[in-house]
Amino acid sequence: MKNYQTYFLMKAPDVPDYVRSKLKEFFPTGAMLESSEIGDGNLNYVFRVKDAVTGKTIIVKQAGAATRISADMILSTDRGRIEAKILQIQAKLAPGLVPEVYLYDEVMCAILMEDMIGHTMMRTGLLQHEIYPGFSEDISTFMARTLLLTTDVAMNHKEKKELVKSFVNPDLCEITEDLVYSEPYNDCHQRNNVFPPNAAFIRQELYEDKVLHLEVAKLKFEFMNHAQSLIHGDLHSGSIFINKKHTFIFDPEFAFYGPMGYDTGNILANMFFAWCNGDAMIKDLVQREKFCSWVLQTIQEIVDKFIEKFKALYEERVTDIMAKTEGFSAYYLAAVLADTAGVMGLELIRRTDGMANVKDITTIEDEEKRVRAERIVVTLAKECILQRNDFKCGQDYLAAIQRAVEKF
């Protein structure tokens, strides 16, 4: 048995012995353990260890020094500590909506955590056009509680500043600053993935639109400088495990103190990608209407339920005396909602023409349908960014979606 006192990147056969060494009581002595790598992300290595007799499982997630998307992108493995710590904070703020962390190993940069058994990665389910009736309730609760309750509005200011220091995350923030806020508008590092039939459209609508660039620049420096809330930082349908009755939010390695609209906007964009896939790929008209209508309803509900829960929590948990000033809560929420729309637009664009495209779009097989989907996405995205102050409720998103769809 290794002592694991020096970091190395584990492979699947290493992990059962590793779990035994760190959590001696988790599996019984002599248990027949099976190990497999199950991760499909770009940054980490995720393993499931299973007792072949009882079926009991555990997840081990290890941070590698280089990304899988590019060997040239070298990252600090401290992101594992950040992820483990924020999961523990989120578990207290939104009980039951994040997996339990059993242990974080600072040497191996590995998290030993609850296996979200009985749940499916949400993007996988959405690509199969599954409907999740409780999602808007769960995700709006998660966002309202984890975001508002980690701000200066609700926290002791000194405690909040200590958290800001603890969650400084420069390597992963740099990825976001490049891949979300810069490259999709200029391809400055020559690594954007543009669908060739839409190349001229992307050039005109994104690379050559200077008005758009100015608004994106404003949003970029808001992201870089507004330490508002402890955000997840990568809240998309690939960071959610779900079934018909329950939701787990995980994978918050991009967490840091930033504008809370970054989380709320991200999830809305990824829901719209599901609509695009359903609209293009579902052949049966009744099934297509059912799925796509549910997605649109869910987008509206996420926004409206978040607003409702945000307002209630604000009244219940506000601590700062000046934050209690009449009219301030409305001002504060309006800024969050504008950021939400802007970030939705950014995420829609970067997943369409940036370095990390999204399967919802890339798996659309018919070329004409994919061209149409991407043009709808970009058109909607630009309205979200350029007119972000006009998005005040869920219906505003549905109206903008309808306008974009009608153009194509």
Protein backbone atom coordinates (compact mmCIF):
# COMPACT_ATOMS: atom_id res chain seq x y z
CA MET A 1 0.00 0.00 0.00
CA LYS A 2 1.35 3.42 -1.00
CA ASN A 3 1.57 6.19 1.59
CA TYR A 4 0.33 8.93 -0.78
CA GLN A 5 2.66 11.52 0.71
CA THR A 6 3.77 12.76 -2.71
CA TYR A 7 1.39 13.90 -5.44
CA PHE A 8 1.00 11.79 -8.56
CA LEU A 9 -1.81 11.49 -11.08
CA MET A 10 -3.78 8.36 -10.30
CA LYS A 11 -5.18 5.85 -12.75
CA ALA A 12 -8.25 3.70 -12.11
CA PRO A 13 -6.32 0.71 -10.65
CA ASP A 14 -4.69 2.98 -8.03
CA VAL A 15 -7.92 4.30 -6.59
CA PRO A 16 -9.32 1.38 -4.50
CA ASP A 17 -6.10 1.20 -2.49
CA TYR A 18 -6.17 4.98 -2.14
CA VAL A 19 -9.71 4.96 -0.75
CA ARG A 20 -8.82 2.21 1.74
CA SER A 21 -5.85 4.24 2.95
CA LYS A 22 -7.87 7.42 3.46
CA LEU A 23 -11.27 6.13 4.62
CA LYS A 24 -10.49 2.83 6.35
CA GLU A 25 -14.07 2.19 7.49
CA PHE A 26 -15.89 3.08 4.28
CA PHE A 27 -15.61 -0.38 2.74
CA PRO A 28 -15.37 -3.58 4.82
CA THR A 29 -12.04 -5.36 5.06
CA GLY A 30 -11.60 -7.74 2.16
CA ALA A 31 -14.26 -6.11 0.00
CA MET A 32 -13.90 -6.77 -3.72
CA LEU A 33 -13.54 -3.27 -5.12
CA GLU A 34 -13.97 -2.26 -8.74
CA SER A 35 -12.68 1.04 -10.09
CA SER A 36 -13.43 2.95 -13.27
CA GLU A 37 -12.84 6.44 -14.58
CA ILE A 38 -16.16 8.10 -15.34
CA GLY A 39 -15.28 11.77 -15.90
CA ASP A 40 -15.73 13.42 -19.28
CA GLY A 41 -14.76 16.96 -18.31
CA ASN A 42 -11.78 18.96 -19.49
CA LEU A 43 -9.96 19.58 -16.22
CA ASN A 44 -10.08 16.66 -13.79
CA TYR A 45 -10.06 12.91 -13.34
CA VAL A 46 -13.15 11.35 -11.77
CA PHE A 47 -13.23 7.76 -10.54
CA ARG A 48 -15.97 5.56 -9.12
CA VAL A 49 -15.00 2.80 -6.68
CA LYS A 50 -17.66 0.13 -6.13
CA ASP A 51 -18.02 -2.83 -3.77
CA ALA A 52 -18.80 -5.65 -6.19
CA VAL A 53 -20.93 -7.46 -3.57
CA THR A 54 -22.92 -4.71 -1.82
CA GLY A 55 -22.94 -2.13 -4.62
CA LYS A 56 -21.76 0.61 -2.27
CA THR A 57 -19.86 3.32 -4.13
CA ILE A 58 -17.69 6.38 -3.62
CA ILE A 59 -16.38 9.05 -5.98
CA VAL A 60 -12.77 10.23 -6.06
CA LYS A 61 -12.08 13.41 -8.02
CA GLN A 62 -8.46 14.38 -8.57
CA ALA A 63 -7.18 17.65 -10.00
CA GLY A 64 -4.55 17.27 -12.69
CA ALA A 65 -1.90 19.90 -13.36
CA ALA A 66 -2.75 20.21 -17.06
CA THR A 67 -6.16 20.33 -18.70
CA ARG A 68 -7.44 17.66 -21.03
CA ILE A 69 -8.59 20.28 -23.49
CA SER A 70 -5.02 21.55 -24.01
CA ALA A 71 -1.70 20.36 -22.58
CA ASP A 72 -0.52 23.97 -22.75
CA MET A 73 -3.12 25.08 -20.19
CA ILE A 74 -1.39 24.47 -16.85
CA LEU A 75 -3.51 25.03 -13.76
CA SER A 76 -2.97 25.14 -10.03
CA THR A 77 -4.21 21.97 -8.35
CA ASP A 78 -5.41 24.17 -5.49
CA ARG A 79 -8.71 24.26 -7.33
CA GLY A 80 -9.47 20.92 -5.65
CA ARG A 81 -9.34 22.61 -2.23
CA ILE A 82 -11.59 25.36 -3.49
CA GLU A 83 -14.10 22.87 -4.83
CA ALA A 84 -14.18 20.80 -1.64
CA LYS A 85 -14.57 23.86 0.55
CA ILE A 86 -17.35 25.44 -1.47
CA LEU A 87 -19.28 22.17 -1.57
CA GLN A 88 -19.17 22.12 2.22
CA ILE A 89 -20.37 25.73 2.39
CA GLN A 90 -23.12 25.11 -0.15
CA ALA A 91 -24.25 22.01 1.75
CA LYS A 92 -24.98 24.24 4.74
CA LEU A 93 -26.71 26.93 2.70
CA ALA A 94 -28.73 24.62 0.43
CA PRO A 95 -29.03 21.30 2.26
CA GLY A 96 -29.57 18.24 0.10
CA LEU A 97 -28.71 19.94 -3.17
CA VAL A 98 -24.97 19.18 -3.24
CA PRO A 99 -23.12 15.87 -2.72
CA GLU A 100 -21.47 15.23 0.65
CA VAL A 101 -17.70 15.65 0.87
CA TYR A 102 -16.13 12.92 3.03
CA LEU A 103 -12.53 14.11 2.81
CA TYR A 104 -10.23 16.45 0.93
CA ASP A 105 -6.62 15.29 0.55
CA GLU A 106 -4.31 18.29 0.13
CA VAL A 107 -1.35 16.16 -0.97
CA MET A 108 -3.09 14.22 -3.71
CA CYS A 109 -5.43 17.14 -4.50
CA ALA A 110 -8.33 14.71 -4.40
CA ILE A 111 -11.88 14.89 -3.09
CA LEU A 112 -13.56 11.76 -1.71
CA MET A 113 -17.26 12.36 -2.00
CA GLU A 114 -20.76 10.97 -2.20
CA ASP A 115 -21.68 9.15 -5.39
CA MET A 116 -24.80 10.71 -6.87
CA ILE A 117 -26.24 7.29 -7.58
CA GLY A 118 -29.65 7.19 -9.23
CA HIS A 119 -29.02 10.52 -10.95
CA THR A 120 -28.01 11.33 -14.53
CA MET A 121 -25.84 14.17 -15.76
CA MET A 122 -28.42 16.73 -16.78
CA ARG A 123 -26.92 17.50 -20.17
CA THR A 124 -27.05 13.79 -21.02
CA GLY A 125 -30.70 13.64 -19.98
CA LEU A 126 -31.59 16.79 -21.89
CA LEU A 127 -29.93 15.41 -25.02
CA GLN A 128 -32.29 12.45 -24.63
CA HIS A 129 -35.08 15.02 -24.27
CA GLU A 130 -35.99 14.04 -20.73
CA ILE A 131 -38.23 16.36 -18.72
CA TYR A 132 -37.41 17.19 -15.09
CA PRO A 133 -40.49 18.72 -13.43
CA GLY A 134 -38.79 19.81 -10.20
CA PHE A 135 -35.70 21.41 -11.67
CA SER A 136 -36.80 25.04 -11.63
CA GLU A 137 -37.73 24.73 -7.96
CA ASP A 138 -34.42 23.12 -6.98
CA ILE A 139 -32.09 25.33 -8.99
CA SER A 140 -33.81 28.57 -7.99
CA THR A 141 -33.56 27.56 -4.33
CA PHE A 142 -29.89 26.65 -4.74
CA MET A 143 -29.01 29.92 -6.46
CA ALA A 144 -30.99 32.22 -4.20
CA ARG A 145 -29.54 30.70 -1.04
CA THR A 146 -25.92 30.11 -2.06
CA LEU A 147 -25.61 33.46 -3.80
CA LEU A 148 -27.45 35.98 -1.64
CA LEU A 149 -26.37 34.45 1.66
CA THR A 150 -22.67 34.82 0.77
CA THR A 151 -22.89 38.58 0.08
CA ASP A 152 -22.21 41.60 2.28
CA VAL A 153 -25.96 42.08 2.44
CA ALA A 154 -26.37 38.99 4.61
CA MET A 155 -22.90 38.26 6.02
CA ASN A 156 -20.61 39.87 8.54
CA HIS A 157 -18.33 41.98 6.36
CA LYS A 158 -15.07 40.73 7.87
CA GLU A 159 -16.13 37.10 7.53
CA LYS A 160 -17.06 37.73 3.93
CA LYS A 161 -13.68 39.31 3.22
CA GLU A 162 -11.95 36.25 4.68
CA LEU A 163 -13.92 34.09 2.25
CA VAL A 164 -12.91 36.37 -0.61
CA LYS A 165 -9.26 35.71 0.27
CA SER A 166 -9.80 31.98 0.62
CA PHE A 167 -11.43 31.65 -2.79
CA VAL A 168 -9.00 33.62 -4.92
CA ASN A 169 -8.89 31.39 -8.02
CA PRO A 170 -6.68 33.10 -10.63
CA ASP A 171 -6.00 30.18 -12.98
CA LEU A 172 -9.61 29.23 -13.52
CA CYS A 173 -10.76 32.84 -13.59
CA GLU A 174 -8.25 33.42 -16.38
CA ILE A 175 -9.86 30.61 -18.36
CA THR A 176 -13.24 32.29 -17.99
CA GLU A 177 -11.83 35.72 -18.83
CA ASP A 178 -10.32 34.33 -22.04
CA LEU A 179 -12.89 31.76 -23.18
CA VAL A 180 -16.04 33.67 -22.21
CA TYR A 181 -15.20 37.36 -22.26
CA SER A 182 -12.52 37.76 -24.95
CA GLU A 183 -11.86 35.06 -27.54
CA PRO A 184 -15.42 34.57 -28.89
CA TYR A 185 -15.32 38.19 -30.15
CA ASN A 186 -11.92 38.25 -31.86
CA ASP A 187 -10.36 34.75 -31.91
CA CYS A 188 -7.24 36.38 -30.47
CA HIS A 189 -5.60 33.00 -29.70
CA GLN A 190 -6.73 31.32 -32.92
CA ARG A 191 -8.55 28.49 -31.17
CA ASN A 192 -12.23 29.22 -31.69
CA ASN A 193 -14.33 26.42 -33.16
CA VAL A 194 -16.62 27.98 -35.75
CA PHE A 195 -19.05 25.87 -37.78
CA PRO A 196 -17.85 26.59 -41.36
CA PRO A 197 -21.30 27.28 -42.89
CA ASN A 198 -21.76 30.03 -40.29
CA ALA A 199 -18.26 31.54 -40.57
CA ALA A 200 -19.37 34.68 -42.43
CA PHE A 201 -22.32 35.13 -40.07
CA ILE A 202 -20.07 34.83 -36.99
CA ARG A 203 -17.55 37.26 -38.44
CA GLN A 204 -20.21 39.89 -39.12
CA GLU A 205 -22.31 39.43 -35.99
CA LEU A 206 -19.54 38.85 -33.44
CA TYR A 207 -16.06 39.73 -34.69
CA GLU A 208 -17.02 42.98 -36.45
CA ASP A 209 -19.68 44.37 -34.09
CA LYS A 210 -17.86 47.09 -32.14
CA VAL A 211 -20.96 48.08 -30.17
CA LEU A 212 -21.21 44.51 -28.92
CA HIS A 213 -17.50 44.51 -28.03
CA LEU A 214 -17.94 47.56 -25.80
CA GLU A 215 -20.75 45.94 -23.84
CA VAL A 216 -18.81 42.70 -23.47
CA ALA A 217 -15.80 44.68 -22.22
CA LYS A 218 -18.02 46.26 -19.55
CA LEU A 219 -19.25 42.83 -18.49
CA LYS A 220 -15.71 41.43 -18.45
CA PHE A 221 -14.42 44.01 -16.02
CA GLU A 222 -17.53 43.59 -13.91
CA PHE A 223 -16.68 39.90 -13.67
CA MET A 224 -13.06 40.64 -12.80
CA ASN A 225 -13.71 43.29 -10.17
CA HIS A 226 -17.09 42.73 -8.52
CA ALA A 227 -16.52 40.46 -5.51
CA GLN A 228 -20.23 40.28 -4.79
CA SER A 229 -21.03 36.67 -4.00
CA LEU A 230 -19.44 33.22 -3.70
CA ILE A 231 -20.41 31.94 -7.13
CA HIS A 232 -20.26 28.41 -8.50
CA GLY A 233 -18.51 29.80 -11.57
CA ASP A 234 -19.46 27.06 -14.07
CA LEU A 235 -23.14 26.38 -13.47
CA HIS A 236 -24.28 24.53 -16.59
CA SER A 237 -26.19 21.32 -17.28
CA GLY A 238 -22.95 19.33 -17.18
CA SER A 239 -22.46 20.41 -13.55
CA ILE A 240 -25.80 18.98 -12.45
CA PHE A 241 -26.88 15.42 -11.70
CA ILE A 242 -30.62 14.96 -11.70
CA ASN A 243 -33.61 12.63 -11.74
CA LYS A 244 -37.34 13.25 -11.86
CA LYS A 245 -37.51 14.11 -8.16
CA HIS A 246 -34.16 15.52 -7.09
CA THR A 247 -31.22 17.67 -8.18
CA PHE A 248 -27.54 17.64 -7.23
CA ILE A 249 -25.31 20.60 -8.13
CA PHE A 250 -21.60 19.80 -8.15
CA ASP A 251 -18.26 20.57 -9.85
CA PRO A 252 -17.76 24.14 -8.50
CA GLU A 253 -14.00 24.26 -9.12
CA PHE A 254 -14.34 27.64 -10.86
CA ALA A 255 -15.76 29.12 -7.64
CA PHE A 256 -14.63 32.56 -6.49
CA TYR A 257 -16.14 35.81 -5.32
CA GLY A 258 -17.73 37.38 -8.38
CA PRO A 259 -21.03 38.78 -9.68
CA MET A 260 -23.90 36.45 -8.82
CA GLY A 261 -25.48 36.98 -12.24
CA TYR A 262 -22.71 34.83 -13.66
CA ASP A 263 -24.35 31.72 -12.19
CA THR A 264 -27.93 32.65 -12.94
CA GLY A 265 -27.13 33.59 -16.54
CA ASN A 266 -25.15 30.43 -17.18
CA ILE A 267 -27.94 28.06 -16.26
CA LEU A 268 -30.47 29.95 -18.39
CA ALA A 269 -28.20 29.76 -21.44
CA ASN A 270 -27.71 26.04 -21.05
CA MET A 271 -31.42 25.47 -20.77
CA PHE A 272 -31.87 27.29 -24.06
CA PHE A 273 -29.30 25.03 -25.69
CA ALA A 274 -31.57 22.14 -24.72
CA TRP A 275 -34.44 23.89 -26.51
CA CYS A 276 -32.30 24.27 -29.64
CA ASN A 277 -31.44 20.59 -29.65
CA GLY A 278 -35.03 19.51 -29.10
CA ASP A 279 -36.31 21.86 -31.77
CA ALA A 280 -33.83 20.50 -34.30
CA MET A 281 -33.65 16.82 -33.39
CA ILE A 282 -37.10 15.65 -32.22
CA LYS A 283 -39.00 14.43 -35.26
CA ASP A 284 -42.35 13.70 -33.61
CA LEU A 285 -44.25 17.00 -33.49
CA VAL A 286 -46.14 16.21 -30.30
CA GLN A 287 -42.99 15.14 -28.47
CA ARG A 288 -41.10 18.18 -29.77
CA GLU A 289 -43.81 20.55 -28.57
CA LYS A 290 -43.92 18.87 -25.16
CA PHE A 291 -40.18 19.01 -24.58
CA CYS A 292 -39.55 22.46 -26.01
CA SER A 293 -42.52 23.95 -24.16
CA TRP A 294 -41.23 22.49 -20.91
CA VAL A 295 -37.79 24.03 -21.52
CA LEU A 296 -39.27 27.46 -22.14
CA GLN A 297 -41.53 27.16 -19.12
CA THR A 298 -38.53 26.15 -17.03
CA ILE A 299 -36.51 29.17 -18.18
CA GLN A 300 -39.38 31.43 -17.17
CA GLU A 301 -39.85 29.66 -13.84
CA ILE A 302 -36.16 29.76 -12.96
CA VAL A 303 -36.11 33.53 -13.36
CA ASP A 304 -39.39 34.21 -11.58
CA LYS A 305 -38.79 31.77 -8.73
CA PHE A 306 -35.28 33.12 -8.22
CA ILE A 307 -36.68 36.65 -7.96
CA GLU A 308 -39.37 35.54 -5.51
CA LYS A 309 -36.94 33.62 -3.30
CA PHE A 310 -34.30 36.35 -3.52
CA LYS A 311 -36.79 38.96 -2.26
CA ALA A 312 -37.99 36.77 0.59
CA LEU A 313 -34.44 35.89 1.68
CA TYR A 314 -33.39 39.51 1.45
CA GLU A 315 -36.13 40.58 3.85
CA GLU A 316 -35.41 37.67 6.18
CA ARG A 317 -31.61 37.71 6.25
CA VAL A 318 -30.44 41.25 5.49
CA THR A 319 -27.95 42.41 8.14
CA ASP A 320 -26.30 45.59 6.85
CA ILE A 321 -28.12 48.66 8.13
CA MET A 322 -27.75 50.57 4.85
CA ALA A 323 -28.94 47.58 2.87
CA LYS A 324 -32.24 48.02 4.70
CA THR A 325 -32.70 51.47 3.14
CA GLU A 326 -36.00 51.73 1.29
CA GLY A 327 -35.49 51.06 -2.41
CA PHE A 328 -32.04 49.52 -2.08
CA SER A 329 -33.17 45.90 -2.41
CA ALA A 330 -34.95 46.73 -5.68
CA TYR A 331 -31.83 48.50 -6.96
CA TYR A 332 -29.64 45.55 -5.94
CA LEU A 333 -31.89 42.96 -7.56
CA ALA A 334 -32.19 44.98 -10.78
CA ALA A 335 -28.40 44.91 -11.14
CA VAL A 336 -28.36 41.14 -10.58
CA LEU A 337 -31.04 40.63 -13.21
CA ALA A 338 -29.18 42.78 -15.75
CA ASP A 339 -26.01 40.77 -15.12
CA THR A 340 -28.04 37.58 -15.52
CA ALA A 341 -29.21 38.54 -19.00
CA GLY A 342 -25.75 39.71 -20.03
CA VAL A 343 -24.10 36.51 -18.89
CA MET A 344 -26.74 34.39 -20.58
CA GLY A 345 -25.74 36.10 -23.80
CA LEU A 346 -22.03 35.56 -23.16
CA GLU A 347 -22.52 31.85 -22.44
CA LEU A 348 -24.71 31.39 -25.52
CA ILE A 349 -22.02 32.91 -27.72
CA ARG A 350 -18.95 31.27 -26.25
CA ARG A 351 -20.49 27.80 -26.47
CA THR A 352 -21.33 28.42 -30.13
CA ASP A 353 -18.17 29.93 -31.62
CA GLY A 354 -15.60 29.65 -28.82
CA MET A 355 -13.10 26.98 -27.86
CA ALA A 356 -15.49 24.80 -25.82
CA ASN A 357 -18.59 24.12 -27.89
CA VAL A 358 -21.66 22.46 -26.42
CA LYS A 359 -23.01 19.04 -27.42
CA ASP A 360 -26.56 20.31 -27.62
CA ILE A 361 -25.52 22.22 -30.75
CA THR A 362 -22.68 20.11 -32.17
CA THR A 363 -24.79 16.94 -32.21
CA ILE A 364 -27.43 18.51 -34.47
CA GLU A 365 -26.86 16.34 -37.54
CA ASP A 366 -28.69 18.29 -40.24
CA GLU A 367 -26.45 21.12 -41.47
CA GLU A 368 -29.30 23.52 -42.22
CA LYS A 369 -30.85 22.94 -38.81
CA ARG A 370 -27.54 23.51 -37.06
CA VAL A 371 -26.96 26.71 -39.02
CA ARG A 372 -30.42 27.90 -38.00
CA ALA A 373 -29.91 26.94 -34.34
CA GLU A 374 -26.61 28.80 -34.11
CA ARG A 375 -28.09 31.91 -35.71
CA ILE A 376 -31.00 31.88 -33.30
CA VAL A 377 -28.55 31.49 -30.40
CA VAL A 378 -26.33 34.38 -31.51
CA THR A 379 -29.30 36.65 -32.22
CA LEU A 380 -30.80 35.96 -28.80
CA ALA A 381 -27.41 36.35 -27.15
CA LYS A 382 -26.82 39.78 -28.62
CA GLU A 383 -30.17 41.04 -27.40
CA CYS A 384 -29.42 39.66 -23.92
CA ILE A 385 -26.12 41.55 -23.85
CA LEU A 386 -27.08 44.79 -25.58
CA GLN A 387 -30.49 45.17 -23.93
CA ARG A 388 -29.68 43.49 -20.61
CA ASN A 389 -31.34 46.14 -18.49
CA ASP A 390 -34.70 45.28 -20.09
CA PHE A 391 -34.76 41.69 -18.76
CA LYS A 392 -36.71 41.95 -15.51
CA CYS A 393 -38.78 38.74 -15.35
CA GLY A 394 -39.16 35.35 -16.97
CA GLN A 395 -41.59 36.58 -19.63
CA ASP A 396 -38.95 38.99 -20.94
CA TYR A 397 -36.77 35.99 -21.81
CA LEU A 398 -39.60 34.19 -23.58
CA ALA A 399 -40.35 37.29 -25.63
CA ALA A 400 -36.69 37.65 -26.64
CA ILE A 401 -36.50 33.97 -27.58
CA GLN A 402 -39.60 34.33 -29.73
CA ARG A 403 -38.11 37.34 -31.52
CA ALA A 404 -34.89 35.45 -32.26
CA VAL A 405 -36.72 32.36 -33.50
CA GLU A 406 -38.99 34.38 -35.78
CA LYS A 407 -35.96 35.79 -37.62
CA PHE A 408 -34.94 32.34 -38.83
